[in-house]
Amino acid sequence: MGDAGWESGGQGPRGTPSSQENEDAVQFGRKFGLGCFTFIVGGFSGGMVAVLIGMLLEGAKGSAKCDGLPVCNWYVYAGFGALLGAITLPTLVLNRLRRR
């Protein structure tokens, strides 16, 4: 009797997966993990860059300053930047991997 429903020698309907199936599963796992990692990194980096752009814009407009904050409405800039970064970075990385 095989381990966890697997029968030895690839005999029967529940045989071992082929090497191509195994390689496809490993490649999918790597791409999925890389996509999740770049989603998080893209969100943080996009939010920080957007707050920096917000600081420059608010400084150019001469808006009032808030004590202890880079920009009074920093959460708006950070939210839009995080959303944009979380979408674009994984898209760019996974498209680059697909071209090979």
PDB file of N, CA and C in Angstrom:
ATOM      1  N   MET A   1       0.848  -1.184   0.000  1.00  0.00           N
ATOM      2  CA  MET A   1       0.000   0.000   0.000  1.00  0.00           C
ATOM      3  C   MET A   1       0.883   1.234   0.000  1.00  0.00           C
ATOM      4  N   GLY A   2       0.570   2.182  -0.848  1.00  0.00           N
ATOM      5  CA  GLY A   2       1.363   3.390  -0.987  1.00  0.00           C
ATOM      6  C   GLY A   2       1.075   4.402   0.104  1.00  0.00           C
ATOM      7  N   ASP A   3       1.901   5.391   0.164  1.00  0.00           N
ATOM      8  CA  ASP A   3       1.780   6.459   1.151  1.00  0.00           C
ATOM      9  C   ASP A   3       0.766   7.492   0.663  1.00  0.00           C
ATOM     10  N   ALA A   4      -0.223   7.825   1.459  1.00  0.00           N
ATOM     11  CA  ALA A   4      -1.231   8.844   1.175  1.00  0.00           C
ATOM     12  C   ALA A   4      -1.957   8.584  -0.136  1.00  0.00           C
ATOM     13  N   GLY A   5      -2.250   7.335  -0.440  1.00  0.00           N
ATOM     14  CA  GLY A   5      -3.005   7.019  -1.638  1.00  0.00           C
ATOM     15  C   GLY A   5      -2.174   6.798  -2.877  1.00  0.00           C
ATOM     16  N   TRP A   6      -0.865   6.970  -2.789  1.00  0.00           N
ATOM     17  CA  TRP A   6      -0.005   6.745  -3.950  1.00  0.00           C
ATOM     18  C   TRP A   6       0.377   5.281  -4.008  1.00  0.00           C
ATOM     19  N   GLU A   7       0.250   4.711  -5.176  1.00  0.00           N
ATOM     20  CA  GLU A   7       0.639   3.321  -5.346  1.00  0.00           C
ATOM     21  C   GLU A   7       2.037   3.261  -5.926  1.00  0.00           C
ATOM     22  N   SER A   8       2.788   2.259  -5.560  1.00  0.00           N
ATOM     23  CA  SER A   8       4.175   2.169  -6.017  1.00  0.00           C
ATOM     24  C   SER A   8       4.243   1.779  -7.486  1.00  0.00           C
ATOM     25  N   GLY A   9       5.259   2.284  -8.158  1.00  0.00           N
ATOM     26  CA  GLY A   9       5.527   1.905  -9.527  1.00  0.00           C
ATOM     27  C   GLY A   9       4.660   2.581 -10.563  1.00  0.00           C
ATOM     28  N   GLY A  10       3.810   3.506 -10.172  1.00  0.00           N
ATOM     29  CA  GLY A  10       2.978   4.201 -11.144  1.00  0.00           C
ATOM     30  C   GLY A  10       1.871   3.332 -11.707  1.00  0.00           C
ATOM     31  N   GLN A  11       1.522   2.242 -11.046  1.00  0.00           N
ATOM     32  CA  GLN A  11       0.482   1.341 -11.510  1.00  0.00           C
ATOM     33  C   GLN A  11      -0.874   1.818 -11.004  1.00  0.00           C
ATOM     34  N   GLY A  12      -1.905   1.626 -11.791  1.00  0.00           N
ATOM     35  CA  GLY A  12      -3.263   1.946 -11.367  1.00  0.00           C
ATOM     36  C   GLY A  12      -3.613   3.404 -11.632  1.00  0.00           C
ATOM     37  N   PRO A  13      -4.855   3.779 -11.312  1.00  0.00           N
ATOM     38  CA  PRO A  13      -5.325   5.131 -11.615  1.00  0.00           C
ATOM     39  C   PRO A  13      -4.703   6.212 -10.750  1.00  0.00           C
ATOM     40  N   ARG A  14      -4.105   5.829  -9.626  1.00  0.00           N
ATOM     41  CA  ARG A  14      -3.529   6.834  -8.736  1.00  0.00           C
ATOM     42  C   ARG A  14      -2.014   6.689  -8.679  1.00  0.00           C
ATOM     43  N   GLY A  15      -1.380   6.586  -9.835  1.00  0.00           N
ATOM     44  CA  GLY A  15       0.062   6.424  -9.922  1.00  0.00           C
ATOM     45  C   GLY A  15       0.796   7.712  -9.604  1.00  0.00           C
ATOM     46  N   THR A  16       2.100   7.640  -9.577  1.00  0.00           N
ATOM     47  CA  THR A  16       2.920   8.814  -9.292  1.00  0.00           C
ATOM     48  C   THR A  16       2.853   9.797 -10.457  1.00  0.00           C
ATOM     49  N   PRO A  17       2.968  11.071 -10.163  1.00  0.00           N
ATOM     50  CA  PRO A  17       2.927  12.053 -11.255  1.00  0.00           C
ATOM     51  C   PRO A  17       4.190  11.958 -12.104  1.00  0.00           C
ATOM     52  N   SER A  18       4.057  12.352 -13.350  1.00  0.00           N
ATOM     53  CA  SER A  18       5.212  12.322 -14.237  1.00  0.00           C
ATOM     54  C   SER A  18       6.175  13.443 -13.854  1.00  0.00           C
ATOM     55  N   SER A  19       7.378  13.386 -14.375  1.00  0.00           N
ATOM     56  CA  SER A  19       8.369  14.422 -14.066  1.00  0.00           C
ATOM     57  C   SER A  19       7.945  15.772 -14.637  1.00  0.00           C
ATOM     58  N   GLN A  20       7.233  15.783 -15.775  1.00  0.00           N
ATOM     59  CA  GLN A  20       6.753  17.034 -16.360  1.00  0.00           C
ATOM     60  C   GLN A  20       5.682  17.670 -15.459  1.00  0.00           C
ATOM     61  N   GLU A  21       4.772  16.851 -14.937  1.00  0.00           N
ATOM     62  CA  GLU A  21       3.748  17.363 -14.017  1.00  0.00           C
ATOM     63  C   GLU A  21       4.386  17.922 -12.749  1.00  0.00           C
ATOM     64  N   ASN A  22       5.397  17.224 -12.264  1.00  0.00           N
ATOM     65  CA  ASN A  22       6.092  17.689 -11.065  1.00  0.00           C
ATOM     66  C   ASN A  22       6.806  19.008 -11.332  1.00  0.00           C
ATOM     67  N   GLU A  23       7.460  19.128 -12.474  1.00  0.00           N
ATOM     68  CA  GLU A  23       8.166  20.362 -12.831  1.00  0.00           C
ATOM     69  C   GLU A  23       7.191  21.524 -13.015  1.00  0.00           C
ATOM     70  N   ASP A  24       6.026  21.255 -13.617  1.00  0.00           N
ATOM     71  CA  ASP A  24       5.006  22.290 -13.785  1.00  0.00           C
ATOM     72  C   ASP A  24       4.495  22.782 -12.428  1.00  0.00           C
ATOM     73  N   ALA A  25       4.312  21.865 -11.492  1.00  0.00           N
ATOM     74  CA  ALA A  25       3.840  22.238 -10.158  1.00  0.00           C
ATOM     75  C   ALA A  25       4.884  23.084  -9.422  1.00  0.00           C
ATOM     76  N   VAL A  26       6.144  22.744  -9.573  1.00  0.00           N
ATOM     77  CA  VAL A  26       7.208  23.516  -8.935  1.00  0.00           C
ATOM     78  C   VAL A  26       7.280  24.912  -9.539  1.00  0.00           C
ATOM     79  N   GLN A  27       7.183  25.018 -10.857  1.00  0.00           N
ATOM     80  CA  GLN A  27       7.221  26.320 -11.520  1.00  0.00           C
ATOM     81  C   GLN A  27       6.036  27.191 -11.098  1.00  0.00           C
ATOM     82  N   PHE A  28       4.846  26.595 -10.988  1.00  0.00           N
ATOM     83  CA  PHE A  28       3.672  27.348 -10.543  1.00  0.00           C
ATOM     84  C   PHE A  28       3.871  27.850  -9.119  1.00  0.00           C
ATOM     85  N   GLY A  29       4.415  27.010  -8.254  1.00  0.00           N
ATOM     86  CA  GLY A  29       4.659  27.418  -6.867  1.00  0.00           C
ATOM     87  C   GLY A  29       5.651  28.562  -6.775  1.00  0.00           C
ATOM     88  N   ARG A  30       6.681  28.524  -7.582  1.00  0.00           N
ATOM     89  CA  ARG A  30       7.667  29.607  -7.577  1.00  0.00           C
ATOM     90  C   ARG A  30       7.053  30.914  -8.065  1.00  0.00           C
ATOM     91  N   LYS A  31       6.283  30.849  -9.127  1.00  0.00           N
ATOM     92  CA  LYS A  31       5.647  32.064  -9.657  1.00  0.00           C
ATOM     93  C   LYS A  31       4.619  32.617  -8.683  1.00  0.00           C
ATOM     94  N   PHE A  32       3.868  31.744  -8.034  1.00  0.00           N
ATOM     95  CA  PHE A  32       2.868  32.179  -7.061  1.00  0.00           C
ATOM     96  C   PHE A  32       3.544  32.851  -5.866  1.00  0.00           C
ATOM     97  N   GLY A  33       4.613  32.245  -5.366  1.00  0.00           N
ATOM     98  CA  GLY A  33       5.343  32.833  -4.242  1.00  0.00           C
ATOM     99  C   GLY A  33       5.987  34.156  -4.606  1.00  0.00           C
ATOM    100  N   LEU A  34       6.562  34.232  -5.785  1.00  0.00           N
ATOM    101  CA  LEU A  34       7.176  35.477  -6.235  1.00  0.00           C
ATOM    102  C   LEU A  34       6.126  36.558  -6.426  1.00  0.00           C
ATOM    103  N   GLY A  35       4.962  36.191  -6.949  1.00  0.00           N
ATOM    104  CA  GLY A  35       3.879  37.154  -7.119  1.00  0.00           C
ATOM    105  C   GLY A  35       3.387  37.698  -5.787  1.00  0.00           C
ATOM    106  N   CYS A  36       3.245  36.826  -4.789  1.00  0.00           N
ATOM    107  CA  CYS A  36       2.809  37.283  -3.460  1.00  0.00           C
ATOM    108  C   CYS A  36       3.850  38.200  -2.821  1.00  0.00           C
ATOM    109  N   PHE A  37       5.119  37.836  -2.948  1.00  0.00           N
ATOM    110  CA  PHE A  37       6.183  38.650  -2.367  1.00  0.00           C
ATOM    111  C   PHE A  37       6.243  40.024  -3.021  1.00  0.00           C
ATOM    112  N   THR A  38       6.177  40.067  -4.348  1.00  0.00           N
ATOM    113  CA  THR A  38       6.249  41.351  -5.034  1.00  0.00           C
ATOM    114  C   THR A  38       4.989  42.184  -4.824  1.00  0.00           C
ATOM    115  N   PHE A  39       3.848  41.546  -4.542  1.00  0.00           N
ATOM    116  CA  PHE A  39       2.626  42.278  -4.207  1.00  0.00           C
ATOM    117  C   PHE A  39       2.833  43.087  -2.927  1.00  0.00           C
ATOM    118  N   ILE A  40       3.417  42.465  -1.918  1.00  0.00           N
ATOM    119  CA  ILE A  40       3.655  43.144  -0.639  1.00  0.00           C
ATOM    120  C   ILE A  40       4.718  44.224  -0.794  1.00  0.00           C
ATOM    121  N   VAL A  41       5.818  43.894  -1.429  1.00  0.00           N
ATOM    122  CA  VAL A  41       6.899  44.862  -1.634  1.00  0.00           C
ATOM    123  C   VAL A  41       6.419  46.028  -2.487  1.00  0.00           C
ATOM    124  N   GLY A  42       5.663  45.749  -3.530  1.00  0.00           N
ATOM    125  CA  GLY A  42       5.133  46.798  -4.394  1.00  0.00           C
ATOM    126  C   GLY A  42       4.180  47.716  -3.656  1.00  0.00           C
ATOM    127  N   GLY A  43       3.382  47.166  -2.762  1.00  0.00           N
ATOM    128  CA  GLY A  43       2.467  47.988  -1.978  1.00  0.00           C
ATOM    129  C   GLY A  43       3.196  48.954  -1.068  1.00  0.00           C
ATOM    130  N   PHE A  44       4.193  48.461  -0.350  1.00  0.00           N
ATOM    131  CA  PHE A  44       4.954  49.340   0.542  1.00  0.00           C
ATOM    132  C   PHE A  44       5.756  50.386  -0.226  1.00  0.00           C
ATOM    133  N   SER A  45       6.442  49.947  -1.267  1.00  0.00           N
ATOM    134  CA  SER A  45       7.279  50.901  -1.995  1.00  0.00           C
ATOM    135  C   SER A  45       6.433  51.918  -2.755  1.00  0.00           C
ATOM    136  N   GLY A  46       5.327  51.492  -3.325  1.00  0.00           N
ATOM    137  CA  GLY A  46       4.450  52.426  -4.017  1.00  0.00           C
ATOM    138  C   GLY A  46       3.857  53.460  -3.068  1.00  0.00           C
ATOM    139  N   GLY A  47       3.505  53.027  -1.863  1.00  0.00           N
ATOM    140  CA  GLY A  47       2.975  53.969  -0.876  1.00  0.00           C
ATOM    141  C   GLY A  47       4.005  54.991  -0.441  1.00  0.00           C
ATOM    142  N   MET A  48       5.244  54.553  -0.238  1.00  0.00           N
ATOM    143  CA  MET A  48       6.286  55.496   0.185  1.00  0.00           C
ATOM    144  C   MET A  48       6.630  56.492  -0.915  1.00  0.00           C
ATOM    145  N   VAL A  49       6.698  56.030  -2.141  1.00  0.00           N
ATOM    146  CA  VAL A  49       7.000  56.929  -3.253  1.00  0.00           C
ATOM    147  C   VAL A  49       5.861  57.929  -3.440  1.00  0.00           C
ATOM    148  N   ALA A  50       4.626  57.473  -3.285  1.00  0.00           N
ATOM    149  CA  ALA A  50       3.491  58.372  -3.444  1.00  0.00           C
ATOM    150  C   ALA A  50       3.462  59.438  -2.354  1.00  0.00           C
ATOM    151  N   VAL A  51       3.843  59.096  -1.133  1.00  0.00           N
ATOM    152  CA  VAL A  51       3.901  60.099  -0.063  1.00  0.00           C
ATOM    153  C   VAL A  51       5.010  61.109  -0.367  1.00  0.00           C
ATOM    154  N   LEU A  52       6.126  60.656  -0.897  1.00  0.00           N
ATOM    155  CA  LEU A  52       7.181  61.579  -1.308  1.00  0.00           C
ATOM    156  C   LEU A  52       6.684  62.530  -2.392  1.00  0.00           C
ATOM    157  N   ILE A  53       5.978  62.001  -3.377  1.00  0.00           N
ATOM    158  CA  ILE A  53       5.409  62.860  -4.421  1.00  0.00           C
ATOM    159  C   ILE A  53       4.392  63.827  -3.812  1.00  0.00           C
ATOM    160  N   GLY A  54       3.610  63.342  -2.854  1.00  0.00           N
ATOM    161  CA  GLY A  54       2.659  64.219  -2.172  1.00  0.00           C
ATOM    162  C   GLY A  54       3.342  65.341  -1.421  1.00  0.00           C
ATOM    163  N   MET A  55       4.466  65.033  -0.791  1.00  0.00           N
ATOM    164  CA  MET A  55       5.227  66.079  -0.091  1.00  0.00           C
ATOM    165  C   MET A  55       5.692  67.149  -1.075  1.00  0.00           C
ATOM    166  N   LEU A  56       6.181  66.724  -2.236  1.00  0.00           N
ATOM    167  CA  LEU A  56       6.640  67.675  -3.238  1.00  0.00           C
ATOM    168  C   LEU A  56       5.483  68.516  -3.777  1.00  0.00           C
ATOM    169  N   LEU A  57       4.348  67.869  -4.034  1.00  0.00           N
ATOM    170  CA  LEU A  57       3.190  68.600  -4.548  1.00  0.00           C
ATOM    171  C   LEU A  57       2.645  69.602  -3.527  1.00  0.00           C
ATOM    172  N   GLU A  58       2.506  69.147  -2.293  1.00  0.00           N
ATOM    173  CA  GLU A  58       1.981  70.034  -1.256  1.00  0.00           C
ATOM    174  C   GLU A  58       2.961  71.167  -0.962  1.00  0.00           C
ATOM    175  N   GLY A  59       4.259  70.896  -1.054  1.00  0.00           N
ATOM    176  CA  GLY A  59       5.253  71.948  -0.863  1.00  0.00           C
ATOM    177  C   GLY A  59       5.220  72.966  -1.981  1.00  0.00           C
ATOM    178  N   ALA A  60       4.993  72.496  -3.205  1.00  0.00           N
ATOM    179  CA  ALA A  60       4.914  73.410  -4.349  1.00  0.00           C
ATOM    180  C   ALA A  60       3.658  74.282  -4.280  1.00  0.00           C
ATOM    181  N   LYS A  61       2.573  73.718  -3.746  1.00  0.00           N
ATOM    182  CA  LYS A  61       1.340  74.489  -3.618  1.00  0.00           C
ATOM    183  C   LYS A  61       1.382  75.437  -2.419  1.00  0.00           C
ATOM    184  N   GLY A  62       2.293  75.200  -1.484  1.00  0.00           N
ATOM    185  CA  GLY A  62       2.385  76.035  -0.285  1.00  0.00           C
ATOM    186  C   GLY A  62       1.294  75.727   0.727  1.00  0.00           C
ATOM    187  N   SER A  63       0.899  74.462   0.825  1.00  0.00           N
ATOM    188  CA  SER A  63      -0.157  74.061   1.764  1.00  0.00           C
ATOM    189  C   SER A  63       0.338  74.149   3.197  1.00  0.00           C
ATOM    190  N   ALA A  64      -0.613  74.187   4.130  1.00  0.00           N
ATOM    191  CA  ALA A  64      -0.281  74.213   5.560  1.00  0.00           C
ATOM    192  C   ALA A  64       0.381  72.900   5.951  1.00  0.00           C
ATOM    193  N   LYS A  65       1.293  72.978   6.926  1.00  0.00           N
ATOM    194  CA  LYS A  65       2.021  71.795   7.377  1.00  0.00           C
ATOM    195  C   LYS A  65       1.385  71.247   8.650  1.00  0.00           C
ATOM    196  N   CYS A  66       1.430  69.934   8.801  1.00  0.00           N
ATOM    197  CA  CYS A  66       0.953  69.267  10.009  1.00  0.00           C
ATOM    198  C   CYS A  66       2.165  68.829  10.825  1.00  0.00           C
ATOM    199  N   ASP A  67       2.113  69.025  12.123  1.00  0.00           N
ATOM    200  CA  ASP A  67       3.233  68.660  12.990  1.00  0.00           C
ATOM    201  C   ASP A  67       3.396  67.150  13.047  1.00  0.00           C
ATOM    202  N   GLY A  68       4.598  66.674  12.772  1.00  0.00           N
ATOM    203  CA  GLY A  68       4.919  65.262  12.881  1.00  0.00           C
ATOM    204  C   GLY A  68       4.515  64.417  11.696  1.00  0.00           C
ATOM    205  N   LEU A  69       3.913  64.997  10.677  1.00  0.00           N
ATOM    206  CA  LEU A  69       3.498  64.242   9.497  1.00  0.00           C
ATOM    207  C   LEU A  69       4.149  64.835   8.256  1.00  0.00           C
ATOM    208  N   PRO A  70       4.475  63.990   7.306  1.00  0.00           N
ATOM    209  CA  PRO A  70       5.066  64.527   6.079  1.00  0.00           C
ATOM    210  C   PRO A  70       4.062  65.364   5.280  1.00  0.00           C
ATOM    211  N   VAL A  71       2.807  64.917   5.241  1.00  0.00           N
ATOM    212  CA  VAL A  71       1.732  65.609   4.531  1.00  0.00           C
ATOM    213  C   VAL A  71       0.467  65.407   5.360  1.00  0.00           C
ATOM    214  N   CYS A  72      -0.387  66.415   5.423  1.00  0.00           N
ATOM    215  CA  CYS A  72      -1.596  66.289   6.249  1.00  0.00           C
ATOM    216  C   CYS A  72      -2.493  65.141   5.799  1.00  0.00           C
ATOM    217  N   ASN A  73      -2.681  64.970   4.518  1.00  0.00           N
ATOM    218  CA  ASN A  73      -3.514  63.879   4.012  1.00  0.00           C
ATOM    219  C   ASN A  73      -2.641  62.782   3.382  1.00  0.00           C
ATOM    220  N   TRP A  74      -1.644  62.323   4.126  1.00  0.00           N
ATOM    221  CA  TRP A  74      -0.684  61.341   3.640  1.00  0.00           C
ATOM    222  C   TRP A  74      -1.346  60.020   3.281  1.00  0.00           C
ATOM    223  N   TYR A  75      -2.422  59.661   3.994  1.00  0.00           N
ATOM    224  CA  TYR A  75      -3.082  58.371   3.784  1.00  0.00           C
ATOM    225  C   TYR A  75      -3.710  58.269   2.386  1.00  0.00           C
ATOM    226  N   VAL A  76      -4.125  59.397   1.812  1.00  0.00           N
ATOM    227  CA  VAL A  76      -4.677  59.365   0.457  1.00  0.00           C
ATOM    228  C   VAL A  76      -3.569  59.040  -0.543  1.00  0.00           C
ATOM    229  N   TYR A  77      -2.437  59.747  -0.406  1.00  0.00           N
ATOM    230  CA  TYR A  77      -1.304  59.471  -1.299  1.00  0.00           C
ATOM    231  C   TYR A  77      -0.793  58.043  -1.103  1.00  0.00           C
ATOM    232  N   ALA A  78      -0.665  57.620   0.152  1.00  0.00           N
ATOM    233  CA  ALA A  78      -0.155  56.276   0.428  1.00  0.00           C
ATOM    234  C   ALA A  78      -1.095  55.199  -0.095  1.00  0.00           C
ATOM    235  N   GLY A  79      -2.383  55.410   0.023  1.00  0.00           N
ATOM    236  CA  GLY A  79      -3.350  54.411  -0.441  1.00  0.00           C
ATOM    237  C   GLY A  79      -3.309  54.220  -1.951  1.00  0.00           C
ATOM    238  N   PHE A  80      -3.339  55.331  -2.679  1.00  0.00           N
ATOM    239  CA  PHE A  80      -3.295  55.217  -4.137  1.00  0.00           C
ATOM    240  C   PHE A  80      -1.947  54.680  -4.612  1.00  0.00           C
ATOM    241  N   GLY A  81      -0.874  55.106  -3.988  1.00  0.00           N
ATOM    242  CA  GLY A  81       0.446  54.606  -4.370  1.00  0.00           C
ATOM    243  C   GLY A  81       0.619  53.134  -4.063  1.00  0.00           C
ATOM    244  N   ALA A  82       0.108  52.693  -2.906  1.00  0.00           N
ATOM    245  CA  ALA A  82       0.199  51.277  -2.548  1.00  0.00           C
ATOM    246  C   ALA A  82      -0.600  50.416  -3.512  1.00  0.00           C
ATOM    247  N   LEU A  83      -1.770  50.875  -3.878  1.00  0.00           N
ATOM    248  CA  LEU A  83      -2.583  50.129  -4.833  1.00  0.00           C
ATOM    249  C   LEU A  83      -1.892  50.030  -6.190  1.00  0.00           C
ATOM    250  N   LEU A  84      -1.376  51.138  -6.641  1.00  0.00           N
ATOM    251  CA  LEU A  84      -0.676  51.140  -7.930  1.00  0.00           C
ATOM    252  C   LEU A  84       0.579  50.262  -7.894  1.00  0.00           C
ATOM    253  N   GLY A  85       1.356  50.358  -6.819  1.00  0.00           N
ATOM    254  CA  GLY A  85       2.568  49.546  -6.706  1.00  0.00           C
ATOM    255  C   GLY A  85       2.281  48.067  -6.555  1.00  0.00           C
ATOM    256  N   ALA A  86       1.210  47.731  -5.814  1.00  0.00           N
ATOM    257  CA  ALA A  86       0.864  46.325  -5.598  1.00  0.00           C
ATOM    258  C   ALA A  86       0.354  45.664  -6.868  1.00  0.00           C
ATOM    259  N   ILE A  87      -0.114  46.444  -7.811  1.00  0.00           N
ATOM    260  CA  ILE A  87      -0.576  45.877  -9.082  1.00  0.00           C
ATOM    261  C   ILE A  87       0.551  45.835 -10.109  1.00  0.00           C
ATOM    262  N   THR A  88       1.320  46.920 -10.196  1.00  0.00           N
ATOM    263  CA  THR A  88       2.302  47.007 -11.277  1.00  0.00           C
ATOM    264  C   THR A  88       3.548  46.161 -11.050  1.00  0.00           C
ATOM    265  N   LEU A  89       4.071  46.110  -9.826  1.00  0.00           N
ATOM    266  CA  LEU A  89       5.315  45.358  -9.612  1.00  0.00           C
ATOM    267  C   LEU A  89       5.155  43.868  -9.890  1.00  0.00           C
ATOM    268  N   PRO A  90       4.138  43.175  -9.349  1.00  0.00           N
ATOM    269  CA  PRO A  90       3.999  41.757  -9.711  1.00  0.00           C
ATOM    270  C   PRO A  90       3.742  41.542 -11.203  1.00  0.00           C
ATOM    271  N   THR A  91       2.983  42.448 -11.809  1.00  0.00           N
ATOM    272  CA  THR A  91       2.710  42.321 -13.242  1.00  0.00           C
ATOM    273  C   THR A  91       3.996  42.416 -14.051  1.00  0.00           C
ATOM    274  N   LEU A  92       4.828  43.393 -13.737  1.00  0.00           N
ATOM    275  CA  LEU A  92       6.085  43.552 -14.460  1.00  0.00           C
ATOM    276  C   LEU A  92       7.025  42.374 -14.247  1.00  0.00           C
ATOM    277  N   VAL A  93       7.134  41.901 -13.011  1.00  0.00           N
ATOM    278  CA  VAL A  93       8.055  40.796 -12.708  1.00  0.00           C
ATOM    279  C   VAL A  93       7.592  39.505 -13.376  1.00  0.00           C
ATOM    280  N   LEU A  94       6.308  39.190 -13.280  1.00  0.00           N
ATOM    281  CA  LEU A  94       5.825  37.937 -13.864  1.00  0.00           C
ATOM    282  C   LEU A  94       5.830  37.987 -15.392  1.00  0.00           C
ATOM    283  N   ASN A  95       5.591  39.141 -15.982  1.00  0.00           N
ATOM    284  CA  ASN A  95       5.722  39.254 -17.443  1.00  0.00           C
ATOM    285  C   ASN A  95       7.167  39.073 -17.878  1.00  0.00           C
ATOM    286  N   ARG A  96       8.085  39.590 -17.099  1.00  0.00           N
ATOM    287  CA  ARG A  96       9.510  39.418 -17.416  1.00  0.00           C
ATOM    288  C   ARG A  96       9.915  37.942 -17.349  1.00  0.00           C
ATOM    289  N   LEU A  97       9.390  37.215 -16.382  1.00  0.00           N
ATOM    290  CA  LEU A  97       9.703  35.789 -16.273  1.00  0.00           C
ATOM    291  C   LEU A  97       9.081  34.997 -17.410  1.00  0.00           C
ATOM    292  N   ARG A  98       7.940  35.406 -17.887  1.00  0.00           N
ATOM    293  CA  ARG A  98       7.252  34.688 -18.947  1.00  0.00           C
ATOM    294  C   ARG A  98       7.978  34.810 -20.286  1.00  0.00           C
ATOM    295  N   ARG A  99       8.711  35.879 -20.505  1.00  0.00           N
ATOM    296  CA  ARG A  99       9.391  36.106 -21.781  1.00  0.00           C
ATOM    297  C   ARG A  99      10.530  35.158 -22.037  1.00  0.00           C
ATOM    298  N   ARG A 100      11.080  34.546 -21.022  1.00  0.00           N
ATOM    299  CA  ARG A 100      12.237  33.664 -21.201  1.00  0.00           C
ATOM    300  C   ARG A 100      11.920  32.465 -22.006  1.00  0.00           C
TER     301      ARG A 100
END
